[in-house]
Amino acid sequence: MSFVYLALLLLSELGVCLLDFRFKLALGHSLSAGLRALGVGVAFFLLWDVAGINSGIFFEGAPELLVGINLAPELPIEELFFLLLLCHSALFLFAAISRWVAKRR
């Protein structure tokens, strides 16, 4: 059992949150809209993961890197935080690039 991967995911998400709120891009610009977008993205990818697990394509990774808490068979809790980081990073980058393009016009 290891908390390293989960801790790194949480630390990375904290960094994205700090940048997001500092520059008022996604969640920092509109918390409710940002949380809805994150919720939709995470839900979509969780369904994607479940479909992949049920079809035998996806499986749980190295157990020595995981906490040992599963949300479902073959779906470790770290996956939820990875998907949150993935979706928040994408939302953050989209907002940053959109702002940059708008300033250049």
Protein backbone atom coordinates (compact mmCIF):
# COMPACT_ATOMS: atom_id res chain seq x y z
CA MET A 1 0.00 0.00 0.00
CA SER A 2 1.44 3.34 -1.06
CA PHE A 3 0.11 6.86 -0.88
CA VAL A 4 2.78 8.33 -3.18
CA TYR A 5 0.75 8.26 -6.42
CA LEU A 6 -2.38 9.63 -4.71
CA ALA A 7 -0.32 12.33 -2.98
CA LEU A 8 1.26 13.37 -6.28
CA LEU A 9 -2.15 13.54 -7.95
CA LEU A 10 -3.51 15.70 -5.11
CA LEU A 11 -0.43 17.93 -5.16
CA SER A 12 -0.77 18.37 -8.93
CA GLU A 13 -4.47 19.22 -8.61
CA LEU A 14 -3.62 21.75 -5.90
CA GLY A 15 -1.13 23.38 -8.27
CA VAL A 16 -3.70 23.58 -11.06
CA CYS A 17 -6.25 25.03 -8.61
CA LEU A 18 -3.81 27.67 -7.39
CA LEU A 19 -2.99 28.76 -10.95
CA ASP A 20 -6.65 28.64 -11.93
CA PHE A 21 -7.78 30.90 -9.09
CA ARG A 22 -4.71 33.15 -9.36
CA PHE A 23 -5.42 33.94 -13.01
CA LYS A 24 -9.22 33.56 -12.75
CA LEU A 25 -9.43 31.21 -15.71
CA ALA A 26 -11.86 28.30 -15.22
CA LEU A 27 -13.04 27.68 -11.66
CA GLY A 28 -11.60 31.02 -10.64
CA HIS A 29 -13.72 32.77 -13.25
CA SER A 30 -17.02 30.97 -12.62
CA LEU A 31 -16.99 28.38 -9.87
CA SER A 32 -20.44 26.94 -10.58
CA ALA A 33 -19.95 26.64 -14.35
CA GLY A 34 -16.47 25.21 -13.84
CA LEU A 35 -17.67 22.61 -11.34
CA ARG A 36 -20.46 21.57 -13.71
CA ALA A 37 -17.98 21.19 -16.55
CA LEU A 38 -15.63 19.17 -14.34
CA GLY A 39 -18.50 16.99 -13.16
CA VAL A 40 -19.59 16.22 -16.71
CA GLY A 41 -16.02 15.46 -17.80
CA VAL A 42 -15.21 13.22 -14.84
CA ALA A 43 -18.56 11.39 -15.16
CA PHE A 44 -17.95 10.81 -18.88
CA PHE A 45 -14.49 9.36 -18.28
CA LEU A 46 -15.67 7.23 -15.35
CA LEU A 47 -18.31 5.72 -17.64
CA TRP A 48 -15.59 5.25 -20.26
CA ASP A 49 -13.44 3.45 -17.67
CA VAL A 50 -16.30 1.20 -16.57
CA ALA A 51 -17.00 0.28 -20.20
CA GLY A 52 -13.30 -0.48 -20.72
CA ILE A 53 -13.12 -2.55 -17.55
CA ASN A 54 -16.27 -4.51 -18.47
CA SER A 55 -14.88 -5.25 -21.92
CA GLY A 56 -11.54 -6.39 -20.51
CA ILE A 57 -9.50 -3.54 -22.02
CA PHE A 58 -8.74 -1.67 -18.77
CA PHE A 59 -7.46 -3.22 -15.57
CA GLU A 60 -6.05 -2.10 -12.24
CA GLY A 61 -2.40 -1.09 -12.28
CA ALA A 62 0.44 -2.08 -10.00
CA PRO A 63 -1.05 -2.61 -6.52
CA GLU A 64 2.17 -1.54 -4.79
CA LEU A 65 1.58 2.00 -6.11
CA LEU A 66 -2.06 2.20 -5.03
CA VAL A 67 -3.76 2.90 -1.70
CA GLY A 68 -5.91 -0.22 -1.98
CA ILE A 69 -9.34 1.44 -1.99
CA ASN A 70 -11.42 0.54 -5.02
CA LEU A 71 -14.54 2.37 -6.17
CA ALA A 72 -15.48 -0.74 -8.15
CA PRO A 73 -13.61 -3.87 -9.25
CA GLU A 74 -10.49 -2.81 -11.18
CA LEU A 75 -11.26 0.89 -10.48
CA PRO A 76 -8.92 2.30 -7.80
CA ILE A 77 -9.73 5.57 -6.07
CA GLU A 78 -6.65 7.11 -7.65
CA GLU A 79 -8.44 6.93 -11.01
CA LEU A 80 -11.07 9.40 -9.77
CA PHE A 81 -8.40 11.92 -8.81
CA PHE A 82 -6.50 11.32 -12.05
CA LEU A 83 -9.66 12.05 -14.04
CA LEU A 84 -10.29 15.18 -11.97
CA LEU A 85 -6.74 16.37 -12.69
CA LEU A 86 -7.08 15.50 -16.39
CA CYS A 87 -10.39 17.35 -16.79
CA HIS A 88 -9.33 20.36 -14.71
CA SER A 89 -6.07 20.68 -16.64
CA ALA A 90 -7.94 20.56 -19.95
CA LEU A 91 -10.48 23.14 -18.75
CA PHE A 92 -7.70 25.35 -17.42
CA LEU A 93 -5.71 25.16 -20.67
CA PHE A 94 -8.81 25.84 -22.78
CA ALA A 95 -9.61 28.94 -20.71
CA ALA A 96 -5.98 30.14 -20.83
CA ILE A 97 -5.70 29.69 -24.59
CA SER A 98 -9.09 31.31 -25.15
CA ARG A 99 -8.03 34.33 -23.11
CA TRP A 100 -4.70 34.54 -24.96
CA VAL A 101 -6.41 34.38 -28.37
CA ALA A 102 -8.95 37.03 -27.32
CA LYS A 103 -6.16 39.39 -26.22
CA ARG A 104 -4.33 38.97 -29.52
CA ARG A 105 -7.40 40.05 -31.52
